C-alpha atoms as a PDB file:
ATOM      1  CA  MET A   1      19.258  11.253  -4.007  1.00  0.00           C
ATOM      2  CA  TYR A   2      16.029  13.046  -2.467  1.00  0.00           C
ATOM      3  CA  LYS A   3      13.423  11.304  -0.584  1.00  0.00           C
ATOM      4  CA  PHE A   4       9.976  11.382  -1.756  1.00  0.00           C
ATOM      5  CA  THR A   5       6.891  12.221   0.618  1.00  0.00           C
ATOM      6  CA  ILE A   6       4.361  10.032   1.096  1.00  0.00           C
ATOM      7  CA  ASP A   7       0.635  11.165   1.398  1.00  0.00           C
ATOM      8  CA  ILE A   8      -1.763   8.377   2.634  1.00  0.00           C
ATOM      9  CA  SER A   9      -5.610   8.713   1.920  1.00  0.00           C
ATOM     10  CA  PRO A  10      -7.644   8.196   4.686  1.00  0.00           C
ATOM     11  CA  GLU A  11      -9.353   5.055   2.805  1.00  0.00           C
ATOM     12  CA  ALA A  12      -5.905   3.454   2.776  1.00  0.00           C
ATOM     13  CA  THR A  13      -5.243   4.260   6.590  1.00  0.00           C
ATOM     14  CA  GLU A  14      -8.884   2.697   7.393  1.00  0.00           C
ATOM     15  CA  ILE A  15      -8.285  -0.361   5.463  1.00  0.00           C
ATOM     16  CA  LEU A  16      -4.937  -1.124   7.123  1.00  0.00           C
ATOM     17  CA  ILE A  17      -6.251  -0.475  10.233  1.00  0.00           C
ATOM     18  CA  SER A  18      -9.139  -2.961   9.797  1.00  0.00           C
ATOM     19  CA  TRP A  19      -6.669  -5.361   8.495  1.00  0.00           C
ATOM     20  CA  VAL A  20      -4.297  -4.892  11.608  1.00  0.00           C
ATOM     21  CA  ASP A  21      -7.427  -5.284  13.930  1.00  0.00           C
ATOM     22  CA  LYS A  22      -8.372  -8.848  12.141  1.00  0.00           C
ATOM     23  CA  CYS A  23      -5.156  -9.957  12.388  1.00  0.00           C
ATOM     24  CA  GLU A  24      -4.461  -9.510  16.177  1.00  0.00           C
ATOM     25  CA  GLU A  25      -8.118 -10.995  16.443  1.00  0.00           C
ATOM     26  CA  ASP A  26      -7.294 -13.916  14.645  1.00  0.00           C
ATOM     27  CA  ASN A  27      -3.502 -14.651  14.925  1.00  0.00           C
ATOM     28  CA  GLY A  28      -2.456 -12.411  17.740  1.00  0.00           C
ATOM     29  CA  VAL A  29      -0.421  -9.032  18.620  1.00  0.00           C
ATOM     30  CA  SER A  30       2.662 -10.546  17.098  1.00  0.00           C
ATOM     31  CA  VAL A  31       1.282 -11.187  13.933  1.00  0.00           C
ATOM     32  CA  ALA A  32      -0.332  -7.814  13.753  1.00  0.00           C
ATOM     33  CA  ASN A  33       2.763  -6.311  14.759  1.00  0.00           C
ATOM     34  CA  ASP A  34       4.444  -8.190  11.798  1.00  0.00           C
ATOM     35  CA  LEU A  35       1.922  -6.603   9.244  1.00  0.00           C
ATOM     36  CA  ILE A  36       2.583  -3.078  10.496  1.00  0.00           C
ATOM     37  CA  ASP A  37       6.387  -3.896  10.455  1.00  0.00           C
ATOM     38  CA  SER A  38       5.972  -4.652   6.481  1.00  0.00           C
ATOM     39  CA  TYR A  39       3.619  -1.727   5.982  1.00  0.00           C
ATOM     40  CA  GLU A  40       6.335   0.397   7.556  1.00  0.00           C
ATOM     41  CA  ALA A  41       9.046  -0.979   5.477  1.00  0.00           C
ATOM     42  CA  MET A  42       7.043  -0.631   2.314  1.00  0.00           C
ATOM     43  CA  LEU A  43       6.918   3.383   3.186  1.00  0.00           C
ATOM     44  CA  ASP A  44      10.405   3.515   3.967  1.00  0.00           C
ATOM     45  CA  THR A  45      11.141   1.657   0.540  1.00  0.00           C
ATOM     46  CA  LEU A  46       8.963   3.996  -1.303  1.00  0.00           C
ATOM     47  CA  GLU A  47      10.427   7.104   0.121  1.00  0.00           C
ATOM     48  CA  GLN A  48      13.536   6.184  -1.479  1.00  0.00           C
ATOM     49  CA  ASP A  49      12.714   4.227  -4.462  1.00  0.00           C
ATOM     50  CA  PRO A  50       9.258   5.051  -5.668  1.00  0.00           C
ATOM     51  CA  GLU A  51       9.437   2.608  -8.659  1.00  0.00           C
ATOM     52  CA  ALA A  52       9.937  -0.431  -6.371  1.00  0.00           C
ATOM     53  CA  GLY A  53       6.530  -1.597  -6.935  1.00  0.00           C
ATOM     54  CA  THR A  54       5.350  -3.622  -9.722  1.00  0.00           C
ATOM     55  CA  GLY A  55       4.248  -1.547 -12.661  1.00  0.00           C
ATOM     56  CA  ARG A  56       1.504  -4.026 -13.556  1.00  0.00           C
ATOM     57  CA  PHE A  57      -1.162  -5.567 -11.947  1.00  0.00           C
ATOM     58  CA  GLU A  58      -4.134  -7.051 -13.396  1.00  0.00           C
ATOM     59  CA  ASP A  59      -6.759  -4.858 -14.295  1.00  0.00           C
ATOM     60  CA  LEU A  60      -4.918  -1.603 -12.424  1.00  0.00           C
ATOM     61  CA  PRO A  61      -4.987   1.384 -14.613  1.00  0.00           C
ATOM     62  CA  ARG A  62      -1.455   2.670 -15.967  1.00  0.00           C
ATOM     63  CA  LYS A  63      -1.502   5.447 -13.810  1.00  0.00           C
ATOM     64  CA  TYR A  64      -1.220   3.214 -10.399  1.00  0.00           C
ATOM     65  CA  ARG A  65       1.419   1.403  -9.475  1.00  0.00           C
ATOM     66  CA  ALA A  66       1.210  -1.476  -6.587  1.00  0.00           C
ATOM     67  CA  TYR A  67       3.521  -2.738  -3.696  1.00  0.00           C
ATOM     68  CA  HIS A  68       2.738  -5.968  -1.992  1.00  0.00           C
ATOM     69  CA  ILE A  69       2.466  -5.639   1.565  1.00  0.00           C
ATOM     70  CA  TRP A  70       1.751  -8.592   3.002  1.00  0.00           C
ATOM     71  CA  ARG A  71      -0.441 -11.814   2.207  1.00  0.00           C
ATOM     72  CA  HIS A  72      -2.646 -10.664  -0.378  1.00  0.00           C
ATOM     73  CA  LEU A  73      -2.323  -6.849   0.682  1.00  0.00           C
ATOM     74  CA  TRP A  74      -1.053  -4.516  -1.868  1.00  0.00           C
ATOM     75  CA  ALA A  75      -0.538  -0.747  -1.671  1.00  0.00           C
ATOM     76  CA  VAL A  76      -1.963   1.341  -4.856  1.00  0.00           C
ATOM     77  CA  TYR A  77      -0.014   4.253  -5.430  1.00  0.00           C
ATOM     78  CA  GLN A  78       0.645   6.917  -8.079  1.00  0.00           C
ATOM     79  CA  ILE A  79       3.927   8.797  -8.176  1.00  0.00           C
ATOM     80  CA  TYR A  80       4.087  12.591  -8.872  1.00  0.00           C
ATOM     81  CA  ARG A  81       7.869  13.283  -9.686  1.00  0.00           C
ATOM     82  CA  ASP A  82       7.269  17.316  -9.977  1.00  0.00           C
ATOM     83  CA  THR A  83       6.145  17.551  -6.640  1.00  0.00           C
ATOM     84  CA  ARG A  84       8.289  14.429  -5.220  1.00  0.00           C
ATOM     85  CA  THR A  85       5.116  12.961  -3.535  1.00  0.00           C
ATOM     86  CA  ILE A  86       4.019   9.423  -3.586  1.00  0.00           C
ATOM     87  CA  LYS A  87       0.093   9.404  -3.458  1.00  0.00           C
ATOM     88  CA  LEU A  88      -0.840   6.183  -1.482  1.00  0.00           C
ATOM     89  CA  GLU A  89      -4.672   5.943  -2.489  1.00  0.00           C
ATOM     90  CA  PHE A  90      -5.637   2.193  -1.583  1.00  0.00           C
ATOM     91  CA  ILE A  91      -4.820  -0.777  -0.157  1.00  0.00           C
ATOM     92  CA  ILE A  92      -6.336  -3.849  -1.753  1.00  0.00           C
ATOM     93  CA  ASP A  93      -7.036  -7.758  -1.143  1.00  0.00           C
ATOM     94  CA  ASP A  94      -5.972  -9.270  -4.523  1.00  0.00           C
ATOM     95  CA  ARG A  95      -8.648 -11.823  -3.612  1.00  0.00           C
ATOM     96  CA  GLN A  96     -11.658  -9.747  -3.867  1.00  0.00           C
ATOM     97  CA  ASN A  97     -13.020  -7.516  -6.670  1.00  0.00           C
ATOM     98  CA  TYR A  98     -11.236  -4.156  -5.879  1.00  0.00           C
ATOM     99  CA  LYS A  99     -12.091  -2.564  -9.444  1.00  0.00           C
ATOM    100  CA  LYS A 100     -14.730  -0.378  -7.453  1.00  0.00           C
ATOM    101  CA  PHE A 101     -11.499   1.395  -5.831  1.00  0.00           C
ATOM    102  CA  VAL A 102      -9.535   1.718  -8.766  1.00  0.00           C
ATOM    103  CA  LYS A 103     -11.199   3.443 -11.947  1.00  0.00           C
END
């Protein structure tokens, strides 16, 4: 089986960094590191199996898939089979109005 390449958008990276910073501030370095570990495990899984994420997520357009990363955090991505690429476009908090990000 061939691996997929994961292309991470600047927006997704920015959101992840802000969550890691907030985690560290509120709960300490070990919790922030747990979030990073969970994110990296998700990337490793998607490289091998892009279908691992859920196909359906409330109000998420069909072109996207979502993968649960951490408490309330979801990675939103598209699969491009022809180029064996996954475009990780957003990281959303399921408690907030994320519709403005995913159109």
